[in-house]
Amino acid sequence: MNASSPAADGVLATRFGTIRGVLFDIDDTLVDLEYSMTTALREVSEHLLPGLDQAGWARFGRIFTHETTHYYDRYLAGELTFNDQRLLRGRAALGHFGVELADGEEAHQWVSAYARLQPGYVRAFDDVEPLLDLLDQAGIPYGAVSNNVHDYQRAKLDGAGLERITRLVGTDTVGVAKPQPAIYLEGVRLLGTEPGDTLFVGDNRLLDAEGATAAGLLGVWLNRVGEPPQGFDGDMISSLEQIRS
């Protein structure tokens, strides 16, 4: 692979070829959403699960963040509100340990406390700022495309110190979610590039790497957690640092 190097006229050589723009997924790509979710979940649930050990909390967080995402899919499909999917995921995680989150005030307080605390734990991954510095130096435009609404993700980026990512496409921007081509192509339009010279990087192999590739972009799977890549024959990295190596 050729090492990447900034160029004067908005072109960057990377291990995936020459690019003129970069689009990123946000959650667990730019910001460590799993950390913020699991930390807030423990804080709002400790009184319901006194004495739960570290392995138990890890299991609790895994259920909420990975094993109940079908509720988030129902939110994207318009079947649930954002808070409804949060509550259902919380109930599933608590239910695994024999705790029932009752309807009414108890459920409202749990969801409200989680919504209040979780944004405060959002932080950018360490490999984000160095890459954005490189793109700025090379004159490469960049932005983010997310399967959540624009304003919520705007606040998340700002809270993580990523205010310089000014181009942002949410599900409400064009009325569709990934992997529909229109949402990726709106990001390309905001960059002023062409799909074929625009890199799209995200942690979801289907929605980010394969979806972006199908839309004509250069899709790359950011596999931070070392998920087995069986059946995936596209481009994969484990850190944003590898884009330029």
C-alpha atoms as a PDB file:
ATOM      1  CA  MET A   1       0.000   0.000   0.000  1.00  0.00           C
ATOM      2  CA  ASN A   2       1.146   3.517  -0.706  1.00  0.00           C
ATOM      3  CA  ALA A   3       1.384   5.852   2.241  1.00  0.00           C
ATOM      4  CA  SER A   4      -1.056   8.702   2.048  1.00  0.00           C
ATOM      5  CA  SER A   5       0.212  12.245   1.649  1.00  0.00           C
ATOM      6  CA  PRO A   6      -1.542  15.595   1.575  1.00  0.00           C
ATOM      7  CA  ALA A   7      -1.787  17.357  -1.759  1.00  0.00           C
ATOM      8  CA  ALA A   8      -2.220  21.020  -2.526  1.00  0.00           C
ATOM      9  CA  ASP A   9      -5.353  20.805  -4.654  1.00  0.00           C
ATOM     10  CA  GLY A  10      -7.802  18.776  -2.587  1.00  0.00           C
ATOM     11  CA  VAL A  11      -6.613  15.296  -3.550  1.00  0.00           C
ATOM     12  CA  LEU A  12      -5.405  12.695  -1.073  1.00  0.00           C
ATOM     13  CA  ALA A  13      -3.694   9.394  -1.848  1.00  0.00           C
ATOM     14  CA  THR A  14      -4.882   6.679   0.502  1.00  0.00           C
ATOM     15  CA  ARG A  15      -4.622   2.903   0.731  1.00  0.00           C
ATOM     16  CA  PHE A  16      -7.986   2.798  -1.072  1.00  0.00           C
ATOM     17  CA  GLY A  17      -6.945   5.029  -3.935  1.00  0.00           C
ATOM     18  CA  THR A  18      -7.085   8.749  -4.603  1.00  0.00           C
ATOM     19  CA  ILE A  19      -9.954  10.558  -2.896  1.00  0.00           C
ATOM     20  CA  ARG A  20     -11.386  14.068  -2.936  1.00  0.00           C
ATOM     21  CA  GLY A  21     -13.819  13.821  -0.007  1.00  0.00           C
ATOM     22  CA  VAL A  22     -14.635  11.745   3.072  1.00  0.00           C
ATOM     23  CA  LEU A  23     -17.943  10.969   4.752  1.00  0.00           C
ATOM     24  CA  PHE A  24     -18.187   9.332   8.149  1.00  0.00           C
ATOM     25  CA  ASP A  25     -20.805   7.509  10.114  1.00  0.00           C
ATOM     26  CA  ILE A  26     -21.022   9.010  13.626  1.00  0.00           C
ATOM     27  CA  ASP A  27     -21.936   6.492  16.319  1.00  0.00           C
ATOM     28  CA  ASP A  28     -19.050   4.166  17.208  1.00  0.00           C
ATOM     29  CA  THR A  29     -17.139   5.586  14.242  1.00  0.00           C
ATOM     30  CA  LEU A  30     -16.391   9.166  15.292  1.00  0.00           C
ATOM     31  CA  VAL A  31     -17.785   9.041  18.828  1.00  0.00           C
ATOM     32  CA  ASP A  32     -17.666   6.222  21.356  1.00  0.00           C
ATOM     33  CA  LEU A  33     -21.411   5.812  21.699  1.00  0.00           C
ATOM     34  CA  GLU A  34     -21.154   2.425  23.371  1.00  0.00           C
ATOM     35  CA  TYR A  35     -19.096   3.886  26.215  1.00  0.00           C
ATOM     36  CA  SER A  36     -21.548   6.731  26.755  1.00  0.00           C
ATOM     37  CA  MET A  37     -24.543   4.396  26.648  1.00  0.00           C
ATOM     38  CA  THR A  38     -23.176   1.740  28.984  1.00  0.00           C
ATOM     39  CA  THR A  39     -21.855   4.287  31.486  1.00  0.00           C
ATOM     40  CA  ALA A  40     -25.176   6.115  31.658  1.00  0.00           C
ATOM     41  CA  LEU A  41     -27.119   2.845  31.769  1.00  0.00           C
ATOM     42  CA  ARG A  42     -25.231   1.694  34.823  1.00  0.00           C
ATOM     43  CA  GLU A  43     -25.708   5.026  36.564  1.00  0.00           C
ATOM     44  CA  VAL A  44     -29.493   5.029  36.089  1.00  0.00           C
ATOM     45  CA  SER A  45     -29.954   1.305  36.806  1.00  0.00           C
ATOM     46  CA  GLU A  46     -27.723   0.579  39.801  1.00  0.00           C
ATOM     47  CA  HIS A  47     -30.595   1.083  42.251  1.00  0.00           C
ATOM     48  CA  LEU A  48     -32.567  -1.576  40.359  1.00  0.00           C
ATOM     49  CA  LEU A  49     -29.681  -4.059  40.219  1.00  0.00           C
ATOM     50  CA  PRO A  50     -27.824  -3.722  43.525  1.00  0.00           C
ATOM     51  CA  GLY A  51     -24.809  -5.969  43.811  1.00  0.00           C
ATOM     52  CA  LEU A  52     -24.533  -6.757  40.111  1.00  0.00           C
ATOM     53  CA  ASP A  53     -20.915  -7.641  39.325  1.00  0.00           C
ATOM     54  CA  GLN A  54     -18.807  -6.293  36.470  1.00  0.00           C
ATOM     55  CA  ALA A  55     -19.589  -9.243  34.214  1.00  0.00           C
ATOM     56  CA  GLY A  56     -23.273  -8.628  34.837  1.00  0.00           C
ATOM     57  CA  TRP A  57     -22.999  -4.980  33.892  1.00  0.00           C
ATOM     58  CA  ALA A  58     -21.119  -5.940  30.744  1.00  0.00           C
ATOM     59  CA  ARG A  59     -23.948  -8.317  29.872  1.00  0.00           C
ATOM     60  CA  PHE A  60     -26.530  -5.635  30.669  1.00  0.00           C
ATOM     61  CA  GLY A  61     -24.819  -3.171  28.351  1.00  0.00           C
ATOM     62  CA  ARG A  62     -24.423  -5.756  25.601  1.00  0.00           C
ATOM     63  CA  ILE A  63     -28.153  -6.489  25.584  1.00  0.00           C
ATOM     64  CA  PHE A  64     -29.030  -2.809  25.362  1.00  0.00           C
ATOM     65  CA  THR A  65     -26.445  -1.798  22.770  1.00  0.00           C
ATOM     66  CA  HIS A  66     -26.276  -4.865  20.508  1.00  0.00           C
ATOM     67  CA  GLU A  67     -29.058  -7.362  21.091  1.00  0.00           C
ATOM     68  CA  THR A  68     -32.075  -5.052  20.992  1.00  0.00           C
ATOM     69  CA  THR A  69     -31.298  -2.965  17.924  1.00  0.00           C
ATOM     70  CA  HIS A  70     -34.472  -4.260  16.247  1.00  0.00           C
ATOM     71  CA  TYR A  71     -36.299  -1.728  18.389  1.00  0.00           C
ATOM     72  CA  TYR A  72     -34.135   1.023  16.874  1.00  0.00           C
ATOM     73  CA  ASP A  73     -34.987  -0.329  13.424  1.00  0.00           C
ATOM     74  CA  ARG A  74     -38.659   0.050  14.334  1.00  0.00           C
ATOM     75  CA  TYR A  75     -37.961   3.656  15.332  1.00  0.00           C
ATOM     76  CA  LEU A  76     -36.344   4.269  11.928  1.00  0.00           C
ATOM     77  CA  ALA A  77     -39.421   2.730  10.297  1.00  0.00           C
ATOM     78  CA  GLY A  78     -41.670   5.158  12.180  1.00  0.00           C
ATOM     79  CA  GLU A  79     -43.258   2.484  14.367  1.00  0.00           C
ATOM     80  CA  LEU A  80     -41.812   3.728  17.677  1.00  0.00           C
ATOM     81  CA  THR A  81     -40.732   7.052  19.114  1.00  0.00           C
ATOM     82  CA  PHE A  82     -37.092   7.533  20.052  1.00  0.00           C
ATOM     83  CA  ASN A  83     -37.889   7.262  23.764  1.00  0.00           C
ATOM     84  CA  ASP A  84     -40.122   4.242  23.171  1.00  0.00           C
ATOM     85  CA  GLN A  85     -37.246   2.286  21.637  1.00  0.00           C
ATOM     86  CA  ARG A  86     -34.994   3.311  24.514  1.00  0.00           C
ATOM     87  CA  LEU A  87     -37.537   2.116  27.056  1.00  0.00           C
ATOM     88  CA  LEU A  88     -38.084  -1.209  25.305  1.00  0.00           C
ATOM     89  CA  ARG A  89     -34.354  -1.824  25.136  1.00  0.00           C
ATOM     90  CA  GLY A  90     -33.978  -0.949  28.798  1.00  0.00           C
ATOM     91  CA  ARG A  91     -36.811  -3.270  29.750  1.00  0.00           C
ATOM     92  CA  ALA A  92     -35.198  -6.105  27.793  1.00  0.00           C
ATOM     93  CA  ALA A  93     -31.856  -5.592  29.550  1.00  0.00           C
ATOM     94  CA  LEU A  94     -33.420  -5.318  33.001  1.00  0.00           C
ATOM     95  CA  GLY A  95     -35.735  -8.234  32.319  1.00  0.00           C
ATOM     96  CA  HIS A  96     -32.737 -10.453  31.668  1.00  0.00           C
ATOM     97  CA  PHE A  97     -31.911 -10.003  35.363  1.00  0.00           C
ATOM     98  CA  GLY A  98     -35.485 -10.464  36.540  1.00  0.00           C
ATOM     99  CA  VAL A  99     -36.304  -6.777  37.002  1.00  0.00           C
ATOM    100  CA  GLU A 100     -39.504  -5.342  35.544  1.00  0.00           C
ATOM    101  CA  LEU A 101     -39.585  -1.642  34.751  1.00  0.00           C
ATOM    102  CA  ALA A 102     -43.169  -0.679  35.435  1.00  0.00           C
ATOM    103  CA  ASP A 103     -45.255   1.589  33.232  1.00  0.00           C
ATOM    104  CA  GLY A 104     -45.919   5.121  34.383  1.00  0.00           C
ATOM    105  CA  GLU A 105     -43.684   7.222  36.591  1.00  0.00           C
ATOM    106  CA  GLU A 106     -40.934   4.635  37.108  1.00  0.00           C
ATOM    107  CA  ALA A 107     -40.448   4.143  33.375  1.00  0.00           C
ATOM    108  CA  HIS A 108     -40.615   7.887  32.724  1.00  0.00           C
ATOM    109  CA  GLN A 109     -37.990   8.603  35.369  1.00  0.00           C
ATOM    110  CA  TRP A 110     -35.648   5.907  34.044  1.00  0.00           C
ATOM    111  CA  VAL A 111     -35.833   7.133  30.429  1.00  0.00           C
ATOM    112  CA  SER A 112     -35.553  10.793  31.475  1.00  0.00           C
ATOM    113  CA  ALA A 113     -32.519  10.156  33.665  1.00  0.00           C
ATOM    114  CA  TYR A 114     -30.790   8.188  30.926  1.00  0.00           C
ATOM    115  CA  ALA A 115     -31.534  10.885  28.332  1.00  0.00           C
ATOM    116  CA  ARG A 116     -30.118  13.522  30.656  1.00  0.00           C
ATOM    117  CA  LEU A 117     -26.917  11.690  31.557  1.00  0.00           C
ATOM    118  CA  GLN A 118     -25.907   9.899  28.356  1.00  0.00           C
ATOM    119  CA  PRO A 119     -24.855  12.967  26.305  1.00  0.00           C
ATOM    120  CA  GLY A 120     -22.392  13.965  29.009  1.00  0.00           C
ATOM    121  CA  TYR A 121     -20.385  10.792  28.457  1.00  0.00           C
ATOM    122  CA  VAL A 122     -20.051  11.168  24.673  1.00  0.00           C
ATOM    123  CA  ARG A 123     -16.446  11.492  23.558  1.00  0.00           C
ATOM    124  CA  ALA A 124     -14.552  11.298  20.275  1.00  0.00           C
ATOM    125  CA  PHE A 125     -12.201   8.393  19.599  1.00  0.00           C
ATOM    126  CA  ASP A 126      -8.512   9.275  19.796  1.00  0.00           C
ATOM    127  CA  ASP A 127      -7.927   8.630  16.084  1.00  0.00           C
ATOM    128  CA  VAL A 128     -10.533  11.157  14.892  1.00  0.00           C
ATOM    129  CA  GLU A 129      -8.846  14.535  15.372  1.00  0.00           C
ATOM    130  CA  PRO A 130      -5.525  13.515  13.746  1.00  0.00           C
ATOM    131  CA  LEU A 131      -7.371  12.363  10.635  1.00  0.00           C
ATOM    132  CA  LEU A 132      -9.454  15.523  10.469  1.00  0.00           C
ATOM    133  CA  ASP A 133      -6.237  17.560  10.812  1.00  0.00           C
ATOM    134  CA  LEU A 134      -4.785  15.673   7.853  1.00  0.00           C
ATOM    135  CA  LEU A 135      -7.896  16.254   5.764  1.00  0.00           C
ATOM    136  CA  ASP A 136      -7.877  19.960   6.611  1.00  0.00           C
ATOM    137  CA  GLN A 137      -4.222  20.237   5.624  1.00  0.00           C
ATOM    138  CA  ALA A 138      -4.917  18.484   2.327  1.00  0.00           C
ATOM    139  CA  GLY A 139      -7.995  20.596   1.557  1.00  0.00           C
ATOM    140  CA  ILE A 140     -10.254  17.524   1.576  1.00  0.00           C
ATOM    141  CA  PRO A 141     -13.904  18.274   2.466  1.00  0.00           C
ATOM    142  CA  TYR A 142     -15.534  15.939   4.964  1.00  0.00           C
ATOM    143  CA  GLY A 143     -18.860  15.393   6.657  1.00  0.00           C
ATOM    144  CA  ALA A 144     -21.067  12.859   8.412  1.00  0.00           C
ATOM    145  CA  VAL A 145     -24.080  10.767   7.428  1.00  0.00           C
ATOM    146  CA  SER A 146     -26.096   9.217  10.236  1.00  0.00           C
ATOM    147  CA  ASN A 147     -29.106   6.994  10.821  1.00  0.00           C
ATOM    148  CA  ASN A 148     -30.481   9.441  13.365  1.00  0.00           C
ATOM    149  CA  VAL A 149     -32.044  12.876  13.042  1.00  0.00           C
ATOM    150  CA  HIS A 150     -29.895  15.883  12.183  1.00  0.00           C
ATOM    151  CA  ASP A 151     -30.336  18.025  15.292  1.00  0.00           C
ATOM    152  CA  TYR A 152     -29.743  15.180  17.748  1.00  0.00           C
ATOM    153  CA  GLN A 153     -26.535  14.204  15.963  1.00  0.00           C
ATOM    154  CA  ARG A 154     -25.460  17.832  15.617  1.00  0.00           C
ATOM    155  CA  ALA A 155     -25.623  18.193  19.394  1.00  0.00           C
ATOM    156  CA  LYS A 156     -23.720  14.914  19.801  1.00  0.00           C
ATOM    157  CA  LEU A 157     -20.881  16.013  17.519  1.00  0.00           C
ATOM    158  CA  ASP A 158     -20.645  19.377  19.239  1.00  0.00           C
ATOM    159  CA  GLY A 159     -20.661  17.740  22.667  1.00  0.00           C
ATOM    160  CA  ALA A 160     -17.776  15.516  21.585  1.00  0.00           C
ATOM    161  CA  GLY A 161     -15.738  18.536  20.444  1.00  0.00           C
ATOM    162  CA  LEU A 162     -16.277  17.869  16.730  1.00  0.00           C
ATOM    163  CA  GLU A 163     -17.850  21.194  15.803  1.00  0.00           C
ATOM    164  CA  ARG A 164     -15.636  21.400  12.723  1.00  0.00           C
ATOM    165  CA  ILE A 165     -17.665  18.644  11.075  1.00  0.00           C
ATOM    166  CA  THR A 166     -20.156  21.103   9.622  1.00  0.00           C
ATOM    167  CA  ARG A 167     -21.665  18.989   6.847  1.00  0.00           C
ATOM    168  CA  LEU A 168     -24.173  16.595   8.375  1.00  0.00           C
ATOM    169  CA  VAL A 169     -26.932  14.456   6.882  1.00  0.00           C
ATOM    170  CA  GLY A 170     -29.546  12.868   9.150  1.00  0.00           C
ATOM    171  CA  THR A 171     -32.467  10.605   8.423  1.00  0.00           C
ATOM    172  CA  ASP A 172     -34.778  13.625   8.391  1.00  0.00           C
ATOM    173  CA  THR A 173     -32.600  15.456   5.852  1.00  0.00           C
ATOM    174  CA  VAL A 174     -33.748  13.421   2.865  1.00  0.00           C
ATOM    175  CA  GLY A 175     -36.423  11.285   4.514  1.00  0.00           C
ATOM    176  CA  VAL A 176     -34.610   7.944   4.170  1.00  0.00           C
ATOM    177  CA  ALA A 177     -32.087   5.965   6.194  1.00  0.00           C
ATOM    178  CA  LYS A 178     -29.016   3.958   5.283  1.00  0.00           C
ATOM    179  CA  PRO A 179     -28.678   1.793   3.221  1.00  0.00           C
ATOM    180  CA  GLN A 180     -30.904   3.804   0.842  1.00  0.00           C
ATOM    181  CA  PRO A 181     -28.597   5.436  -1.753  1.00  0.00           C
ATOM    182  CA  ALA A 182     -30.147   8.901  -1.414  1.00  0.00           C
ATOM    183  CA  ILE A 183     -28.751   9.509   2.061  1.00  0.00           C
ATOM    184  CA  TYR A 184     -25.150   8.815   1.026  1.00  0.00           C
ATOM    185  CA  LEU A 185     -25.535  10.843  -2.165  1.00  0.00           C
ATOM    186  CA  GLU A 186     -26.828  13.831  -0.206  1.00  0.00           C
ATOM    187  CA  GLY A 187     -23.582  13.744   1.733  1.00  0.00           C
ATOM    188  CA  VAL A 188     -21.633  13.656  -1.519  1.00  0.00           C
ATOM    189  CA  ARG A 189     -23.639  16.648  -2.764  1.00  0.00           C
ATOM    190  CA  LEU A 190     -22.778  18.625   0.374  1.00  0.00           C
ATOM    191  CA  LEU A 191     -19.083  17.892  -0.138  1.00  0.00           C
ATOM    192  CA  GLY A 192     -19.202  18.920  -3.794  1.00  0.00           C
ATOM    193  CA  THR A 193     -17.450  15.743  -4.860  1.00  0.00           C
ATOM    194  CA  GLU A 194     -18.341  12.735  -7.003  1.00  0.00           C
ATOM    195  CA  PRO A 195     -19.381   9.396  -5.458  1.00  0.00           C
ATOM    196  CA  GLY A 196     -16.462   7.507  -6.989  1.00  0.00           C
ATOM    197  CA  ASP A 197     -13.827   9.693  -5.342  1.00  0.00           C
ATOM    198  CA  THR A 198     -15.579   9.964  -1.973  1.00  0.00           C
ATOM    199  CA  LEU A 199     -14.595   7.665   0.875  1.00  0.00           C
ATOM    200  CA  PHE A 200     -17.338   6.524   3.275  1.00  0.00           C
ATOM    201  CA  VAL A 201     -16.185   5.088   6.602  1.00  0.00           C
ATOM    202  CA  GLY A 202     -18.384   3.489   9.234  1.00  0.00           C
ATOM    203  CA  ASP A 203     -18.551   0.741  11.840  1.00  0.00           C
ATOM    204  CA  ASN A 204     -21.528  -1.109  10.321  1.00  0.00           C
ATOM    205  CA  ARG A 205     -20.462  -3.423   7.512  1.00  0.00           C
ATOM    206  CA  LEU A 206     -23.941  -3.493   5.952  1.00  0.00           C
ATOM    207  CA  LEU A 207     -25.114   0.095   6.386  1.00  0.00           C
ATOM    208  CA  ASP A 208     -21.778   1.811   5.946  1.00  0.00           C
ATOM    209  CA  ALA A 209     -19.337  -0.249   3.880  1.00  0.00           C
ATOM    210  CA  GLU A 210     -21.724  -2.226   1.696  1.00  0.00           C
ATOM    211  CA  GLY A 211     -24.462   0.412   1.527  1.00  0.00           C
ATOM    212  CA  ALA A 212     -22.084   3.188   0.535  1.00  0.00           C
ATOM    213  CA  THR A 213     -20.367   0.981  -2.024  1.00  0.00           C
ATOM    214  CA  ALA A 214     -23.720   0.097  -3.577  1.00  0.00           C
ATOM    215  CA  ALA A 215     -24.435   3.839  -3.858  1.00  0.00           C
ATOM    216  CA  GLY A 216     -21.200   4.323  -5.822  1.00  0.00           C
ATOM    217  CA  LEU A 217     -18.926   5.551  -3.023  1.00  0.00           C
ATOM    218  CA  LEU A 218     -15.746   3.939  -1.717  1.00  0.00           C
ATOM    219  CA  GLY A 219     -17.198   2.167   1.306  1.00  0.00           C
ATOM    220  CA  VAL A 220     -14.882   1.061   4.117  1.00  0.00           C
ATOM    221  CA  TRP A 221     -15.791  -0.968   7.189  1.00  0.00           C
ATOM    222  CA  LEU A 222     -14.235   0.403  10.386  1.00  0.00           C
ATOM    223  CA  ASN A 223     -14.090  -2.780  12.452  1.00  0.00           C
ATOM    224  CA  ARG A 224     -12.891  -1.375  15.771  1.00  0.00           C
ATOM    225  CA  VAL A 225     -13.934  -4.377  17.847  1.00  0.00           C
ATOM    226  CA  GLY A 226     -12.405  -7.143  15.733  1.00  0.00           C
ATOM    227  CA  GLU A 227     -15.661  -8.660  14.559  1.00  0.00           C
ATOM    228  CA  PRO A 228     -15.062 -11.776  12.428  1.00  0.00           C
ATOM    229  CA  PRO A 229     -15.301 -10.668   8.770  1.00  0.00           C
ATOM    230  CA  GLN A 230     -16.851 -13.872   7.421  1.00  0.00           C
ATOM    231  CA  GLY A 231     -18.627 -13.200   4.153  1.00  0.00           C
ATOM    232  CA  PHE A 232     -17.233  -9.676   3.812  1.00  0.00           C
ATOM    233  CA  ASP A 233     -14.914  -9.132   0.858  1.00  0.00           C
ATOM    234  CA  GLY A 234     -14.716  -5.338   0.903  1.00  0.00           C
ATOM    235  CA  ASP A 235     -12.198  -2.940   2.416  1.00  0.00           C
ATOM    236  CA  MET A 236     -11.774  -3.085   6.195  1.00  0.00           C
ATOM    237  CA  ILE A 237      -9.693  -1.198   8.751  1.00  0.00           C
ATOM    238  CA  SER A 238      -9.498  -1.364  12.545  1.00  0.00           C
ATOM    239  CA  SER A 239      -8.557   2.283  13.123  1.00  0.00           C
ATOM    240  CA  LEU A 240      -8.940   5.557  11.254  1.00  0.00           C
ATOM    241  CA  GLU A 241      -5.153   5.766  11.299  1.00  0.00           C
ATOM    242  CA  GLN A 242      -5.096   3.042   8.641  1.00  0.00           C
ATOM    243  CA  ILE A 243      -6.783   5.243   6.052  1.00  0.00           C
ATOM    244  CA  ARG A 244      -3.481   6.997   5.522  1.00  0.00           C
ATOM    245  CA  SER A 245      -1.144   4.011   5.817  1.00  0.00           C
END
